[in-house]
PDB file of N, CA and C in Angstrom:
ATOM      1  N   MET A   1      81.814  93.447  98.565  1.00  0.00           N
ATOM      2  CA  MET A   1      81.556  94.849  98.807  1.00  0.00           C
ATOM      3  C   MET A   1      80.340  94.973  99.704  1.00  0.00           C
ATOM      4  N   PHE A   2      80.431  95.846 100.672  1.00  0.00           N
ATOM      5  CA  PHE A   2      79.333  96.057 101.598  1.00  0.00           C
ATOM      6  C   PHE A   2      78.691  97.406 101.334  1.00  0.00           C
ATOM      7  N   LEU A   3      77.391  97.405 101.295  1.00  0.00           N
ATOM      8  CA  LEU A   3      76.648  98.653 101.187  1.00  0.00           C
ATOM      9  C   LEU A   3      75.879  98.823 102.485  1.00  0.00           C
ATOM     10  N   TYR A   4      75.889  99.998 103.019  1.00  0.00           N
ATOM     11  CA  TYR A   4      75.199 100.239 104.271  1.00  0.00           C
ATOM     12  C   TYR A   4      74.687 101.664 104.309  1.00  0.00           C
ATOM     13  N   LYS A   5      73.745 101.877 105.177  1.00  0.00           N
ATOM     14  CA  LYS A   5      73.264 103.226 105.415  1.00  0.00           C
ATOM     15  C   LYS A   5      74.044 103.772 106.598  1.00  0.00           C
ATOM     16  N   LYS A   6      74.552 104.964 106.437  1.00  0.00           N
ATOM     17  CA  LYS A   6      75.323 105.589 107.501  1.00  0.00           C
ATOM     18  C   LYS A   6      74.474 105.675 108.770  1.00  0.00           C
ATOM     19  N   SER A   7      75.131 105.504 109.905  1.00  0.00           N
ATOM     20  CA  SER A   7      74.485 105.584 111.212  1.00  0.00           C
ATOM     21  C   SER A   7      73.582 104.394 111.520  1.00  0.00           C
ATOM     22  N   THR A   8      73.787 103.272 110.854  1.00  0.00           N
ATOM     23  CA  THR A   8      73.025 102.072 111.191  1.00  0.00           C
ATOM     24  C   THR A   8      73.982 101.014 111.718  1.00  0.00           C
ATOM     25  N   ARG A   9      73.431  99.972 112.230  1.00  0.00           N
ATOM     26  CA  ARG A   9      74.204  98.865 112.791  1.00  0.00           C
ATOM     27  C   ARG A   9      75.057  98.181 111.716  1.00  0.00           C
ATOM     28  N   ASP A  10      74.649  98.273 110.465  1.00  0.00           N
ATOM     29  CA  ASP A  10      75.389  97.636 109.370  1.00  0.00           C
ATOM     30  C   ASP A  10      76.832  98.105 109.280  1.00  0.00           C
ATOM     31  N   ILE A  11      77.084  99.343 109.613  1.00  0.00           N
ATOM     32  CA  ILE A  11      78.455  99.853 109.514  1.00  0.00           C
ATOM     33  C   ILE A  11      79.377  99.094 110.462  1.00  0.00           C
ATOM     34  N   PHE A  12      78.876  98.706 111.633  1.00  0.00           N
ATOM     35  CA  PHE A  12      79.715  97.952 112.572  1.00  0.00           C
ATOM     36  C   PHE A  12      80.014  96.555 112.045  1.00  0.00           C
ATOM     37  N   GLN A  13      79.066  95.955 111.355  1.00  0.00           N
ATOM     38  CA  GLN A  13      79.323  94.655 110.729  1.00  0.00           C
ATOM     39  C   GLN A  13      80.406  94.801 109.658  1.00  0.00           C
ATOM     40  N   THR A  14      80.343  95.861 108.900  1.00  0.00           N
ATOM     41  CA  THR A  14      81.348  96.118 107.870  1.00  0.00           C
ATOM     42  C   THR A  14      82.712  96.343 108.496  1.00  0.00           C
ATOM     43  N   LEU A  15      82.774  97.163 109.537  1.00  0.00           N
ATOM     44  CA  LEU A  15      84.047  97.441 110.210  1.00  0.00           C
ATOM     45  C   LEU A  15      84.616  96.188 110.870  1.00  0.00           C
ATOM     46  N   ASP A  16      83.756  95.368 111.449  1.00  0.00           N
ATOM     47  CA  ASP A  16      84.229  94.109 112.046  1.00  0.00           C
ATOM     48  C   ASP A  16      84.786  93.174 110.974  1.00  0.00           C
ATOM     49  N   TYR A  17      84.164  93.164 109.804  1.00  0.00           N
ATOM     50  CA  TYR A  17      84.692  92.378 108.694  1.00  0.00           C
ATOM     51  C   TYR A  17      86.060  92.926 108.280  1.00  0.00           C
ATOM     52  N   CYS A  18      86.203  94.238 108.235  1.00  0.00           N
ATOM     53  CA  CYS A  18      87.496  94.861 107.906  1.00  0.00           C
ATOM     54  C   CYS A  18      88.561  94.414 108.906  1.00  0.00           C
ATOM     55  N   LEU A  19      88.221  94.388 110.183  1.00  0.00           N
ATOM     56  CA  LEU A  19      89.165  93.925 111.211  1.00  0.00           C
ATOM     57  C   LEU A  19      89.573  92.481 110.954  1.00  0.00           C
ATOM     58  N   GLU A  20      88.608  91.661 110.608  1.00  0.00           N
ATOM     59  CA  GLU A  20      88.884  90.248 110.326  1.00  0.00           C
ATOM     60  C   GLU A  20      89.863  90.116 109.154  1.00  0.00           C
ATOM     61  N   VAL A  21      89.648  90.877 108.102  1.00  0.00           N
ATOM     62  CA  VAL A  21      90.529  90.850 106.936  1.00  0.00           C
ATOM     63  C   VAL A  21      91.929  91.297 107.333  1.00  0.00           C
ATOM     64  N   MET A  22      92.013  92.353 108.118  1.00  0.00           N
ATOM     65  CA  MET A  22      93.308  92.932 108.484  1.00  0.00           C
ATOM     66  C   MET A  22      94.092  92.066 109.466  1.00  0.00           C
ATOM     67  N   GLN A  23      93.440  91.194 110.191  1.00  0.00           N
ATOM     68  CA  GLN A  23      94.125  90.350 111.171  1.00  0.00           C
ATOM     69  C   GLN A  23      94.972  89.265 110.507  1.00  0.00           C
ATOM     70  N   SER A  24      94.683  88.942 109.263  1.00  0.00           N
ATOM     71  CA  SER A  24      95.433  87.905 108.562  1.00  0.00           C
ATOM     72  C   SER A  24      96.658  88.506 107.894  1.00  0.00           C
ATOM     73  N   ALA A  25      97.818  87.910 108.172  1.00  0.00           N
ATOM     74  CA  ALA A  25      99.078  88.391 107.594  1.00  0.00           C
ATOM     75  C   ALA A  25      99.008  88.375 106.078  1.00  0.00           C
ATOM     76  N   GLY A  26      99.559  89.385 105.466  1.00  0.00           N
ATOM     77  CA  GLY A  26      99.609  89.467 104.010  1.00  0.00           C
ATOM     78  C   GLY A  26      98.405  90.136 103.379  1.00  0.00           C
ATOM     79  N   ASN A  27      97.375  90.413 104.152  1.00  0.00           N
ATOM     80  CA  ASN A  27      96.202  91.080 103.589  1.00  0.00           C
ATOM     81  C   ASN A  27      96.386  92.592 103.596  1.00  0.00           C
ATOM     82  N   MET A  28      95.733  93.216 102.635  1.00  0.00           N
ATOM     83  CA  MET A  28      95.730  94.670 102.560  1.00  0.00           C
ATOM     84  C   MET A  28      94.285  95.120 102.434  1.00  0.00           C
ATOM     85  N   LEU A  29      93.977  96.210 103.093  1.00  0.00           N
ATOM     86  CA  LEU A  29      92.622  96.745 103.048  1.00  0.00           C
ATOM     87  C   LEU A  29      92.693  98.193 102.585  1.00  0.00           C
ATOM     88  N   LEU A  30      91.937  98.525 101.572  1.00  0.00           N
ATOM     89  CA  LEU A  30      91.895  99.881 101.046  1.00  0.00           C
ATOM     90  C   LEU A  30      90.689 100.593 101.636  1.00  0.00           C
ATOM     91  N   LEU A  31      90.946 101.734 102.251  1.00  0.00           N
ATOM     92  CA  LEU A  31      89.868 102.506 102.875  1.00  0.00           C
ATOM     93  C   LEU A  31      89.880 103.942 102.382  1.00  0.00           C
ATOM     94  N   PHE A  32      88.730 104.530 102.345  1.00  0.00           N
ATOM     95  CA  PHE A  32      88.602 105.962 102.188  1.00  0.00           C
ATOM     96  C   PHE A  32      88.165 106.461 103.560  1.00  0.00           C
ATOM     97  N   PRO A  33      89.122 106.868 104.403  1.00  0.00           N
ATOM     98  CA  PRO A  33      88.781 107.207 105.790  1.00  0.00           C
ATOM     99  C   PRO A  33      87.835 108.395 105.912  1.00  0.00           C
ATOM    100  N   GLN A  34      87.676 109.163 104.841  1.00  0.00           N
ATOM    101  CA  GLN A  34      86.719 110.250 104.844  1.00  0.00           C
ATOM    102  C   GLN A  34      85.312 109.730 104.512  1.00  0.00           C
ATOM    103  N   GLY A  35      85.196 108.437 104.247  1.00  0.00           N
ATOM    104  CA  GLY A  35      83.899 107.801 104.024  1.00  0.00           C
ATOM    105  C   GLY A  35      83.440 107.781 102.584  1.00  0.00           C
ATOM    106  N   GLU A  36      84.097 108.532 101.714  1.00  0.00           N
ATOM    107  CA  GLU A  36      83.724 108.589 100.311  1.00  0.00           C
ATOM    108  C   GLU A  36      84.868 109.202  99.516  1.00  0.00           C
ATOM    109  N   ILE A  37      84.836 108.995  98.225  1.00  0.00           N
ATOM    110  CA  ILE A  37      85.825 109.640  97.373  1.00  0.00           C
ATOM    111  C   ILE A  37      85.450 111.110  97.277  1.00  0.00           C
ATOM    112  N   GLN A  38      86.439 111.979  97.503  1.00  0.00           N
ATOM    113  CA  GLN A  38      86.177 113.414  97.474  1.00  0.00           C
ATOM    114  C   GLN A  38      87.116 114.110  96.502  1.00  0.00           C
ATOM    115  N   SER A  39      86.816 115.331  96.195  1.00  0.00           N
ATOM    116  CA  SER A  39      87.609 116.127  95.272  1.00  0.00           C
ATOM    117  C   SER A  39      89.019 116.342  95.798  1.00  0.00           C
ATOM    118  N   MET A  40      89.987 116.307  94.883  1.00  0.00           N
ATOM    119  CA  MET A  40      91.373 116.575  95.260  1.00  0.00           C
ATOM    120  C   MET A  40      91.599 118.069  95.507  1.00  0.00           C
ATOM    121  N   HIS A  41      90.594 118.870  95.253  1.00  0.00           N
ATOM    122  CA  HIS A  41      90.719 120.313  95.442  1.00  0.00           C
ATOM    123  C   HIS A  41      90.296 120.769  96.836  1.00  0.00           C
ATOM    124  N   LYS A  42      89.838 119.848  97.650  1.00  0.00           N
ATOM    125  CA  LYS A  42      89.499 120.209  99.032  1.00  0.00           C
ATOM    126  C   LYS A  42      90.763 120.608  99.771  1.00  0.00           C
ATOM    127  N   GLU A  43      90.640 121.525 100.690  1.00  0.00           N
ATOM    128  CA  GLU A  43      91.793 121.975 101.464  1.00  0.00           C
ATOM    129  C   GLU A  43      92.141 121.000 102.582  1.00  0.00           C
ATOM    130  N   TYR A  44      91.131 120.363 103.163  1.00  0.00           N
ATOM    131  CA  TYR A  44      91.343 119.493 104.317  1.00  0.00           C
ATOM    132  C   TYR A  44      90.414 118.289 104.185  1.00  0.00           C
ATOM    133  N   ILE A  45      90.931 117.109 104.430  1.00  0.00           N
ATOM    134  CA  ILE A  45      90.132 115.882 104.382  1.00  0.00           C
ATOM    135  C   ILE A  45      89.783 115.491 105.815  1.00  0.00           C
ATOM    136  N   LYS A  46      88.497 115.484 106.122  1.00  0.00           N
ATOM    137  CA  LYS A  46      88.007 115.130 107.460  1.00  0.00           C
ATOM    138  C   LYS A  46      87.667 113.647 107.483  1.00  0.00           C
ATOM    139  N   PHE A  47      88.269 112.922 108.422  1.00  0.00           N
ATOM    140  CA  PHE A  47      88.025 111.483 108.542  1.00  0.00           C
ATOM    141  C   PHE A  47      86.721 111.216 109.294  1.00  0.00           C
ATOM    142  N   GLU A  48      86.064 110.147 108.907  1.00  0.00           N
ATOM    143  CA  GLU A  48      84.915 109.645 109.657  1.00  0.00           C
ATOM    144  C   GLU A  48      85.443 108.797 110.812  1.00  0.00           C
ATOM    145  N   SER A  49      84.624 108.555 111.786  1.00  0.00           N
ATOM    146  CA  SER A  49      85.075 107.873 113.003  1.00  0.00           C
ATOM    147  C   SER A  49      85.331 106.373 112.819  1.00  0.00           C
ATOM    148  N   GLY A  50      84.905 105.798 111.714  1.00  0.00           N
ATOM    149  CA  GLY A  50      85.110 104.364 111.480  1.00  0.00           C
ATOM    150  C   GLY A  50      86.572 103.972 111.496  1.00  0.00           C
ATOM    151  N   ILE A  51      87.440 104.833 111.009  1.00  0.00           N
ATOM    152  CA  ILE A  51      88.872 104.529 111.017  1.00  0.00           C
ATOM    153  C   ILE A  51      89.380 104.424 112.457  1.00  0.00           C
ATOM    154  N   GLY A  52      88.837 105.245 113.342  1.00  0.00           N
ATOM    155  CA  GLY A  52      89.206 105.171 114.763  1.00  0.00           C
ATOM    156  C   GLY A  52      88.777 103.852 115.384  1.00  0.00           C
ATOM    157  N   TYR A  53      87.610 103.386 114.989  1.00  0.00           N
ATOM    158  CA  TYR A  53      87.099 102.092 115.450  1.00  0.00           C
ATOM    159  C   TYR A  53      88.093 100.991 115.095  1.00  0.00           C
ATOM    160  N   LEU A  54      88.609 101.027 113.866  1.00  0.00           N
ATOM    161  CA  LEU A  54      89.568 100.014 113.426  1.00  0.00           C
ATOM    162  C   LEU A  54      90.905 100.147 114.152  1.00  0.00           C
ATOM    163  N   LEU A  55      91.429 101.371 114.236  1.00  0.00           N
ATOM    164  CA  LEU A  55      92.739 101.582 114.848  1.00  0.00           C
ATOM    165  C   LEU A  55      92.778 101.123 116.305  1.00  0.00           C
ATOM    166  N   LYS A  56      91.719 101.343 117.033  1.00  0.00           N
ATOM    167  CA  LYS A  56      91.676 100.961 118.457  1.00  0.00           C
ATOM    168  C   LYS A  56      91.562  99.456 118.649  1.00  0.00           C
ATOM    169  N   ARG A  57      91.058  98.743 117.665  1.00  0.00           N
ATOM    170  CA  ARG A  57      90.790  97.316 117.823  1.00  0.00           C
ATOM    171  C   ARG A  57      91.812  96.392 117.170  1.00  0.00           C
ATOM    172  N   LEU A  58      92.681  96.943 116.336  1.00  0.00           N
ATOM    173  CA  LEU A  58      93.689  96.080 115.708  1.00  0.00           C
ATOM    174  C   LEU A  58      94.707  95.625 116.739  1.00  0.00           C
ATOM    175  N   SER A  59      94.958  94.322 116.773  1.00  0.00           N
ATOM    176  CA  SER A  59      95.853  93.768 117.788  1.00  0.00           C
ATOM    177  C   SER A  59      97.158  93.229 117.195  1.00  0.00           C
ATOM    178  N   ILE A  60      97.419  93.513 115.942  1.00  0.00           N
ATOM    179  CA  ILE A  60      98.637  93.042 115.295  1.00  0.00           C
ATOM    180  C   ILE A  60      99.471  94.245 114.851  1.00  0.00           C
ATOM    181  N   ASP A  61     100.726  93.987 114.519  1.00  0.00           N
ATOM    182  CA  ASP A  61     101.556  95.045 113.933  1.00  0.00           C
ATOM    183  C   ASP A  61     101.114  95.254 112.491  1.00  0.00           C
ATOM    184  N   TYR A  62     101.039  96.480 112.083  1.00  0.00           N
ATOM    185  CA  TYR A  62     100.603  96.787 110.734  1.00  0.00           C
ATOM    186  C   TYR A  62     101.188  98.124 110.286  1.00  0.00           C
ATOM    187  N   ASN A  63     101.200  98.322 109.006  1.00  0.00           N
ATOM    188  CA  ASN A  63     101.607  99.593 108.427  1.00  0.00           C
ATOM    189  C   ASN A  63     100.385 100.277 107.834  1.00  0.00           C
ATOM    190  N   ILE A  64     100.451 101.583 107.794  1.00  0.00           N
ATOM    191  CA  ILE A  64      99.432 102.382 107.126  1.00  0.00           C
ATOM    192  C   ILE A  64     100.121 103.011 105.920  1.00  0.00           C
ATOM    193  N   ILE A  65      99.550 102.818 104.763  1.00  0.00           N
ATOM    194  CA  ILE A  65     100.099 103.426 103.554  1.00  0.00           C
ATOM    195  C   ILE A  65      99.140 104.521 103.118  1.00  0.00           C
ATOM    196  N   ILE A  66      99.625 105.743 103.178  1.00  0.00           N
ATOM    197  CA  ILE A  66      98.818 106.867 102.709  1.00  0.00           C
ATOM    198  C   ILE A  66      99.076 107.003 101.210  1.00  0.00           C
ATOM    199  N   ASN A  67      98.013 107.111 100.459  1.00  0.00           N
ATOM    200  CA  ASN A  67      98.112 107.291  99.006  1.00  0.00           C
ATOM    201  C   ASN A  67      97.334 108.546  98.618  1.00  0.00           C
ATOM    202  N   ILE A  68      98.030 109.466  97.970  1.00  0.00           N
ATOM    203  CA  ILE A  68      97.402 110.681  97.450  1.00  0.00           C
ATOM    204  C   ILE A  68      97.541 110.631  95.929  1.00  0.00           C
ATOM    205  N   ASN A  69      96.431 110.691  95.228  1.00  0.00           N
ATOM    206  CA  ASN A  69      96.439 110.706  93.767  1.00  0.00           C
ATOM    207  C   ASN A  69      95.966 112.069  93.287  1.00  0.00           C
ATOM    208  N   LEU A  70      96.808 112.728  92.517  1.00  0.00           N
ATOM    209  CA  LEU A  70      96.472 114.048  91.990  1.00  0.00           C
ATOM    210  C   LEU A  70      96.531 114.020  90.470  1.00  0.00           C
ATOM    211  N   VAL A  71      95.476 114.486  89.845  1.00  0.00           N
ATOM    212  CA  VAL A  71      95.365 114.512  88.392  1.00  0.00           C
ATOM    213  C   VAL A  71      95.671 115.927  87.918  1.00  0.00           C
ATOM    214  N   ASP A  72      96.392 116.013  86.809  1.00  0.00           N
ATOM    215  CA  ASP A  72      96.726 117.320  86.253  1.00  0.00           C
ATOM    216  C   ASP A  72      96.702 117.223  84.741  1.00  0.00           C
ATOM    217  N   TYR A  73      96.038 118.152  84.102  1.00  0.00           N
ATOM    218  CA  TYR A  73      95.997 118.190  82.642  1.00  0.00           C
ATOM    219  C   TYR A  73      97.122 119.025  82.058  1.00  0.00           C
ATOM    220  N   ASN A  74      97.655 119.958  82.849  1.00  0.00           N
ATOM    221  CA  ASN A  74      98.617 120.923  82.331  1.00  0.00           C
ATOM    222  C   ASN A  74      98.008 121.505  81.060  1.00  0.00           C
ATOM    223  N   SER A  75      98.692 121.464  79.956  1.00  0.00           N
ATOM    224  CA  SER A  75      98.092 121.939  78.702  1.00  0.00           C
ATOM    225  C   SER A  75      97.954 120.780  77.713  1.00  0.00           C
ATOM    226  N   GLU A  76      97.900 119.584  78.250  1.00  0.00           N
ATOM    227  CA  GLU A  76      97.832 118.376  77.427  1.00  0.00           C
ATOM    228  C   GLU A  76      96.384 117.929  77.234  1.00  0.00           C
ATOM    229  N   LYS A  77      96.201 117.083  76.233  1.00  0.00           N
ATOM    230  CA  LYS A  77      94.882 116.528  75.949  1.00  0.00           C
ATOM    231  C   LYS A  77      94.504 115.445  76.964  1.00  0.00           C
ATOM    232  N   ARG A  78      95.509 114.683  77.375  1.00  0.00           N
ATOM    233  CA  ARG A  78      95.284 113.592  78.325  1.00  0.00           C
ATOM    234  C   ARG A  78      95.793 113.987  79.706  1.00  0.00           C
ATOM    235  N   PRO A  79      95.091 113.562  80.726  1.00  0.00           N
ATOM    236  CA  PRO A  79      95.540 113.921  82.079  1.00  0.00           C
ATOM    237  C   PRO A  79      96.755 113.109  82.519  1.00  0.00           C
ATOM    238  N   GLN A  80      97.474 113.675  83.445  1.00  0.00           N
ATOM    239  CA  GLN A  80      98.610 112.980  84.070  1.00  0.00           C
ATOM    240  C   GLN A  80      98.210 112.692  85.511  1.00  0.00           C
ATOM    241  N   LEU A  81      98.469 111.474  85.955  1.00  0.00           N
ATOM    242  CA  LEU A  81      98.190 111.097  87.339  1.00  0.00           C
ATOM    243  C   LEU A  81      99.505 111.000  88.088  1.00  0.00           C
ATOM    244  N   ASN A  82      99.597 111.722  89.174  1.00  0.00           N
ATOM    245  CA  ASN A  82     100.749 111.614  90.061  1.00  0.00           C
ATOM    246  C   ASN A  82     100.281 110.951  91.342  1.00  0.00           C
ATOM    247  N   ALA A  83     100.914 109.837  91.668  1.00  0.00           N
ATOM    248  CA  ALA A  83     100.572 109.083  92.871  1.00  0.00           C
ATOM    249  C   ALA A  83     101.689 109.266  93.891  1.00  0.00           C
ATOM    250  N   TYR A  84     101.323 109.671  95.083  1.00  0.00           N
ATOM    251  CA  TYR A  84     102.271 109.890  96.177  1.00  0.00           C
ATOM    252  C   TYR A  84     101.946 108.891  97.294  1.00  0.00           C
ATOM    253  N   PHE A  85     102.993 108.333  97.897  1.00  0.00           N
ATOM    254  CA  PHE A  85     102.811 107.343  98.958  1.00  0.00           C
ATOM    255  C   PHE A  85     103.671 107.684 100.162  1.00  0.00           C
ATOM    256  N   LYS A  86     103.149 107.367 101.322  1.00  0.00           N
ATOM    257  CA  LYS A  86     103.900 107.508 102.568  1.00  0.00           C
ATOM    258  C   LYS A  86     103.529 106.312 103.445  1.00  0.00           C
ATOM    259  N   ILE A  87     104.549 105.639 103.993  1.00  0.00           N
ATOM    260  CA  ILE A  87     104.309 104.474 104.843  1.00  0.00           C
ATOM    261  C   ILE A  87     104.503 104.873 106.298  1.00  0.00           C
ATOM    262  N   LEU A  88     103.521 104.531 107.120  1.00  0.00           N
ATOM    263  CA  LEU A  88     103.541 104.849 108.549  1.00  0.00           C
ATOM    264  C   LEU A  88     103.477 103.566 109.366  1.00  0.00           C
ATOM    265  N   ASP A  89     104.081 103.596 110.529  1.00  0.00           N
ATOM    266  CA  ASP A  89     103.969 102.492 111.486  1.00  0.00           C
ATOM    267  C   ASP A  89     102.615 102.627 112.178  1.00  0.00           C
ATOM    268  N   GLY A  90     101.747 101.657 111.971  1.00  0.00           N
ATOM    269  CA  GLY A  90     100.402 101.707 112.524  1.00  0.00           C
ATOM    270  C   GLY A  90     100.346 101.820 114.030  1.00  0.00           C
ATOM    271  N   GLN A  91     101.359 101.311 114.728  1.00  0.00           N
ATOM    272  CA  GLN A  91     101.353 101.359 116.194  1.00  0.00           C
ATOM    273  C   GLN A  91     101.455 102.788 116.729  1.00  0.00           C
ATOM    274  N   GLU A  92     101.921 103.705 115.893  1.00  0.00           N
ATOM    275  CA  GLU A  92     102.041 105.101 116.308  1.00  0.00           C
ATOM    276  C   GLU A  92     100.732 105.872 116.163  1.00  0.00           C
ATOM    277  N   TYR A  93      99.719 105.238 115.595  1.00  0.00           N
ATOM    278  CA  TYR A  93      98.456 105.931 115.314  1.00  0.00           C
ATOM    279  C   TYR A  93      97.271 105.151 115.867  1.00  0.00           C
ATOM    280  N   LYS A  94      97.043 105.268 117.140  1.00  0.00           N
ATOM    281  CA  LYS A  94      95.888 104.618 117.754  1.00  0.00           C
ATOM    282  C   LYS A  94      94.689 105.568 117.826  1.00  0.00           C
ATOM    283  N   GLU A  95      94.940 106.852 117.648  1.00  0.00           N
ATOM    284  CA  GLU A  95      93.867 107.850 117.616  1.00  0.00           C
ATOM    285  C   GLU A  95      93.743 108.363 116.184  1.00  0.00           C
ATOM    286  N   PHE A  96      92.550 108.323 115.655  1.00  0.00           N
ATOM    287  CA  PHE A  96      92.402 108.716 114.254  1.00  0.00           C
ATOM    288  C   PHE A  96      92.644 110.197 114.031  1.00  0.00           C
ATOM    289  N   THR A  97      92.544 111.010 115.071  1.00  0.00           N
ATOM    290  CA  THR A  97      92.805 112.446 114.885  1.00  0.00           C
ATOM    291  C   THR A  97      94.274 112.698 114.548  1.00  0.00           C
ATOM    292  N   SER A  98      95.188 111.938 115.149  1.00  0.00           N
ATOM    293  CA  SER A  98      96.608 112.112 114.821  1.00  0.00           C
ATOM    294  C   SER A  98      96.900 111.587 113.419  1.00  0.00           C
ATOM    295  N   LEU A  99      96.225 110.516 113.017  1.00  0.00           N
ATOM    296  CA  LEU A  99      96.377 110.002 111.656  1.00  0.00           C
ATOM    297  C   LEU A  99      95.798 111.006 110.660  1.00  0.00           C
ATOM    298  N   GLU A 100      94.671 111.585 110.985  1.00  0.00           N
ATOM    299  CA  GLU A 100      94.046 112.588 110.114  1.00  0.00           C
ATOM    300  C   GLU A 100      94.977 113.790 109.932  1.00  0.00           C
ATOM    301  N   LYS A 101      95.605 114.217 110.997  1.00  0.00           N
ATOM    302  CA  LYS A 101      96.528 115.355 110.929  1.00  0.00           C
ATOM    303  C   LYS A 101      97.743 115.007 110.053  1.00  0.00           C
ATOM    304  N   THR A 102      98.326 113.833 110.259  1.00  0.00           N
ATOM    305  CA  THR A 102      99.468 113.385 109.461  1.00  0.00           C
ATOM    306  C   THR A 102      99.082 113.258 107.988  1.00  0.00           C
ATOM    307  N   PHE A 103      97.910 112.697 107.738  1.00  0.00           N
ATOM    308  CA  PHE A 103      97.408 112.555 106.370  1.00  0.00           C
ATOM    309  C   PHE A 103      97.314 113.921 105.703  1.00  0.00           C
ATOM    310  N   ASN A 104      96.711 114.881 106.381  1.00  0.00           N
ATOM    311  CA  ASN A 104      96.502 116.199 105.793  1.00  0.00           C
ATOM    312  C   ASN A 104      97.796 116.978 105.607  1.00  0.00           C
ATOM    313  N   MET A 105      98.767 116.754 106.461  1.00  0.00           N
ATOM    314  CA  MET A 105     100.074 117.379 106.257  1.00  0.00           C
ATOM    315  C   MET A 105     100.713 116.823 104.984  1.00  0.00           C
ATOM    316  N   PHE A 106     100.637 115.512 104.800  1.00  0.00           N
ATOM    317  CA  PHE A 106     101.182 114.879 103.597  1.00  0.00           C
ATOM    318  C   PHE A 106     100.394 115.317 102.353  1.00  0.00           C
ATOM    319  N   TYR A 107      99.087 115.411 102.481  1.00  0.00           N
ATOM    320  CA  TYR A 107      98.208 115.858 101.401  1.00  0.00           C
ATOM    321  C   TYR A 107      98.610 117.264 100.937  1.00  0.00           C
ATOM    322  N   THR A 108      98.840 118.162 101.863  1.00  0.00           N
ATOM    323  CA  THR A 108      99.267 119.527 101.544  1.00  0.00           C
ATOM    324  C   THR A 108     100.639 119.524 100.878  1.00  0.00           C
ATOM    325  N   GLU A 109     101.530 118.704 101.402  1.00  0.00           N
ATOM    326  CA  GLU A 109     102.881 118.559 100.833  1.00  0.00           C
ATOM    327  C   GLU A 109     102.809 118.086  99.369  1.00  0.00           C
ATOM    328  N   CYS A 110     101.957 117.117  99.102  1.00  0.00           N
ATOM    329  CA  CYS A 110     101.803 116.575  97.748  1.00  0.00           C
ATOM    330  C   CYS A 110     101.239 117.626  96.797  1.00  0.00           C
ATOM    331  N   LYS A 111     100.235 118.364  97.258  1.00  0.00           N
ATOM    332  CA  LYS A 111      99.660 119.412  96.405  1.00  0.00           C
ATOM    333  C   LYS A 111     100.683 120.494  96.115  1.00  0.00           C
ATOM    334  N   THR A 112     101.544 120.815  97.071  1.00  0.00           N
ATOM    335  CA  THR A 112     102.590 121.807  96.867  1.00  0.00           C
ATOM    336  C   THR A 112     103.597 121.306  95.829  1.00  0.00           C
ATOM    337  N   LYS A 113     103.973 120.031  95.920  1.00  0.00           N
ATOM    338  CA  LYS A 113     104.886 119.430  94.922  1.00  0.00           C
ATOM    339  C   LYS A 113     104.244 119.449  93.542  1.00  0.00           C
ATOM    340  N   GLN A 114     102.973 119.178  93.482  1.00  0.00           N
ATOM    341  CA  GLN A 114     102.245 119.143  92.215  1.00  0.00           C
ATOM    342  C   GLN A 114     102.285 120.520  91.534  1.00  0.00           C
ATOM    343  N   VAL A 115     102.055 121.556  92.294  1.00  0.00           N
ATOM    344  CA  VAL A 115     102.062 122.918  91.741  1.00  0.00           C
ATOM    345  C   VAL A 115     103.481 123.306  91.323  1.00  0.00           C
ATOM    346  N   ALA A 116     104.468 122.952  92.121  1.00  0.00           N
ATOM    347  CA  ALA A 116     105.862 123.296  91.834  1.00  0.00           C
ATOM    348  C   ALA A 116     106.371 122.592  90.581  1.00  0.00           C
ATOM    349  N   ALA A 117     105.818 121.434  90.265  1.00  0.00           N
ATOM    350  CA  ALA A 117     106.277 120.640  89.130  1.00  0.00           C
ATOM    351  C   ALA A 117     105.775 121.182  87.787  1.00  0.00           C
ATOM    352  N   LYS A 118     104.845 122.107  87.813  1.00  0.00           N
ATOM    353  CA  LYS A 118     104.269 122.639  86.563  1.00  0.00           C
ATOM    354  C   LYS A 118     105.247 123.499  85.809  1.00  0.00           C
TER     355      LYS A 118
END
């Protein structure tokens, strides 16, 4: 695990390490492209630019798996977790703004399904 201060040179070392991990077949890298875990009640998730750094530098074929986790208590004592997944062809997303838009469309879709399921 890497800890760094935002806006320092350390973030580039971390991102370069992420690229190294992703270049090896069979590896998976979990990222929070917004830079931190945020509330599921936000309307829009804004990505940090680090994901763009990775997308522009990856030289292999890869998939992007979007995962949205939504917790709901309904009227129960224990919460229910609904996990939603969408698989994307990484070659179609070289600009993080298009990935951010696709992510947020899926995020909205998942929240709508969550409300409809109640």
